[in-house]
Amino acid sequence: MEDKKEKSILFLILSILSILPAIFYPLVIFASFFLFDDPNANLNLVGLLFILSWTYPFILLFNLWVAFKIYNTKKKLAHMLVCWPIVIIMYFCISIYY
């Protein structure tokens, strides 16, 4: 049997912060329908954004599941996995204001 160690507090806090954007899923779904309103839009880019907006909570959940699975063997990688959504959100928030 695999030795199940308790997760660190930092890892749990980062996990909660990384899954937090899933709260906005209903709003993102609603907004994704308006991507197709512009007749001059690049359909490939719009289609990609549409698919990403519909699947992003599943990507976050899969990411979190993998991080929890590998935590006991590769702690640094698990911490990096739960940090990348936070870094991306921070990048978008900073780029909007500057």
Protein backbone atom coordinates (compact mmCIF):
# COMPACT_ATOMS: atom_id res chain seq x y z
CA MET A 1 0.00 0.00 0.00
CA GLU A 2 1.00 3.52 -0.70
CA ASP A 3 2.02 5.68 2.24
CA LYS A 4 -0.64 8.40 2.49
CA LYS A 5 0.86 11.47 4.07
CA GLU A 6 -1.16 14.50 5.00
CA LYS A 7 -1.01 17.36 2.57
CA SER A 8 0.64 20.58 3.68
CA ILE A 9 -1.47 23.61 4.49
CA LEU A 10 0.22 25.57 1.68
CA PHE A 11 -0.68 22.88 -0.84
CA LEU A 12 -4.32 22.84 0.29
CA ILE A 13 -4.60 26.64 0.14
CA LEU A 14 -3.05 26.70 -3.34
CA SER A 15 -5.42 23.94 -4.40
CA ILE A 16 -8.43 25.95 -3.29
CA LEU A 17 -7.12 29.06 -5.03
CA SER A 18 -6.47 27.15 -8.25
CA ILE A 19 -10.01 25.74 -8.43
CA LEU A 20 -11.66 29.03 -7.42
CA PRO A 21 -12.12 30.29 -11.04
CA ALA A 22 -14.62 27.49 -11.58
CA ILE A 23 -17.11 29.59 -9.62
CA PHE A 24 -17.41 31.86 -12.66
CA TYR A 25 -18.29 28.95 -14.97
CA PRO A 26 -21.97 29.92 -15.48
CA LEU A 27 -20.98 33.47 -16.39
CA VAL A 28 -18.30 32.26 -18.82
CA ILE A 29 -20.76 29.85 -20.45
CA PHE A 30 -23.24 32.69 -20.93
CA ALA A 31 -20.58 35.01 -22.34
CA SER A 32 -19.25 32.35 -24.71
CA PHE A 33 -22.39 32.53 -26.82
CA PHE A 34 -21.56 36.12 -27.72
CA LEU A 35 -18.19 35.17 -29.22
CA PHE A 36 -19.90 34.45 -32.54
CA ASP A 37 -21.57 37.88 -32.83
CA ASP A 38 -18.75 39.59 -34.71
CA PRO A 39 -19.07 38.81 -38.44
CA ASN A 40 -15.40 39.73 -39.04
CA ALA A 41 -13.99 37.50 -36.31
CA ASN A 42 -11.48 34.76 -36.98
CA LEU A 43 -13.63 31.61 -36.73
CA ASN A 44 -10.69 29.40 -35.76
CA LEU A 45 -9.81 31.63 -32.82
CA VAL A 46 -13.45 32.02 -31.81
CA GLY A 47 -13.96 28.26 -31.95
CA LEU A 48 -10.86 27.68 -29.83
CA LEU A 49 -12.00 30.24 -27.25
CA PHE A 50 -15.46 28.68 -27.23
CA ILE A 51 -14.10 25.20 -26.56
CA LEU A 52 -11.69 26.47 -23.89
CA SER A 53 -14.42 28.41 -22.15
CA TRP A 54 -16.65 25.34 -22.00
CA THR A 55 -13.92 22.99 -20.80
CA TYR A 56 -11.79 25.08 -18.46
CA PRO A 57 -13.33 23.76 -15.19
CA PHE A 58 -12.63 20.21 -16.32
CA ILE A 59 -9.03 21.17 -17.09
CA LEU A 60 -8.71 22.68 -13.62
CA LEU A 61 -10.26 19.62 -11.95
CA PHE A 62 -8.02 17.24 -13.90
CA ASN A 63 -5.00 19.36 -12.99
CA LEU A 64 -5.96 19.25 -9.32
CA TRP A 65 -6.58 15.50 -9.44
CA VAL A 66 -3.12 14.89 -10.94
CA ALA A 67 -1.51 17.17 -8.35
CA PHE A 68 -3.14 15.25 -5.50
CA LYS A 69 -2.11 11.91 -7.02
CA ILE A 70 1.56 12.81 -7.37
CA TYR A 71 1.90 14.84 -4.16
CA ASN A 72 3.44 11.99 -2.14
CA THR A 73 6.16 11.27 -4.70
CA LYS A 74 6.84 14.64 -6.38
CA LYS A 75 5.91 17.52 -4.10
CA LYS A 76 7.53 20.28 -6.15
CA LEU A 77 5.74 19.20 -9.31
CA ALA A 78 2.44 18.99 -7.42
CA HIS A 79 2.93 22.52 -6.12
CA MET A 80 3.72 23.75 -9.63
CA LEU A 81 0.60 22.08 -10.99
CA VAL A 82 -1.66 23.86 -8.54
CA CYS A 83 0.16 27.17 -9.08
CA TRP A 84 -0.12 27.55 -12.86
CA PRO A 85 -3.82 28.53 -12.86
CA ILE A 86 -3.11 31.14 -10.20
CA VAL A 87 -0.19 32.55 -12.20
CA ILE A 88 -2.28 32.76 -15.38
CA ILE A 89 -5.11 34.55 -13.58
CA MET A 90 -2.66 36.98 -11.99
CA TYR A 91 -1.09 37.64 -15.41
CA PHE A 92 -4.48 38.45 -16.94
CA CYS A 93 -5.46 40.69 -14.03
CA ILE A 94 -2.17 42.59 -14.21
CA SER A 95 -2.29 42.90 -18.00
CA ILE A 96 -5.80 44.37 -17.86
CA TYR A 97 -4.73 47.14 -15.51
CA TYR A 98 -1.39 48.01 -17.16
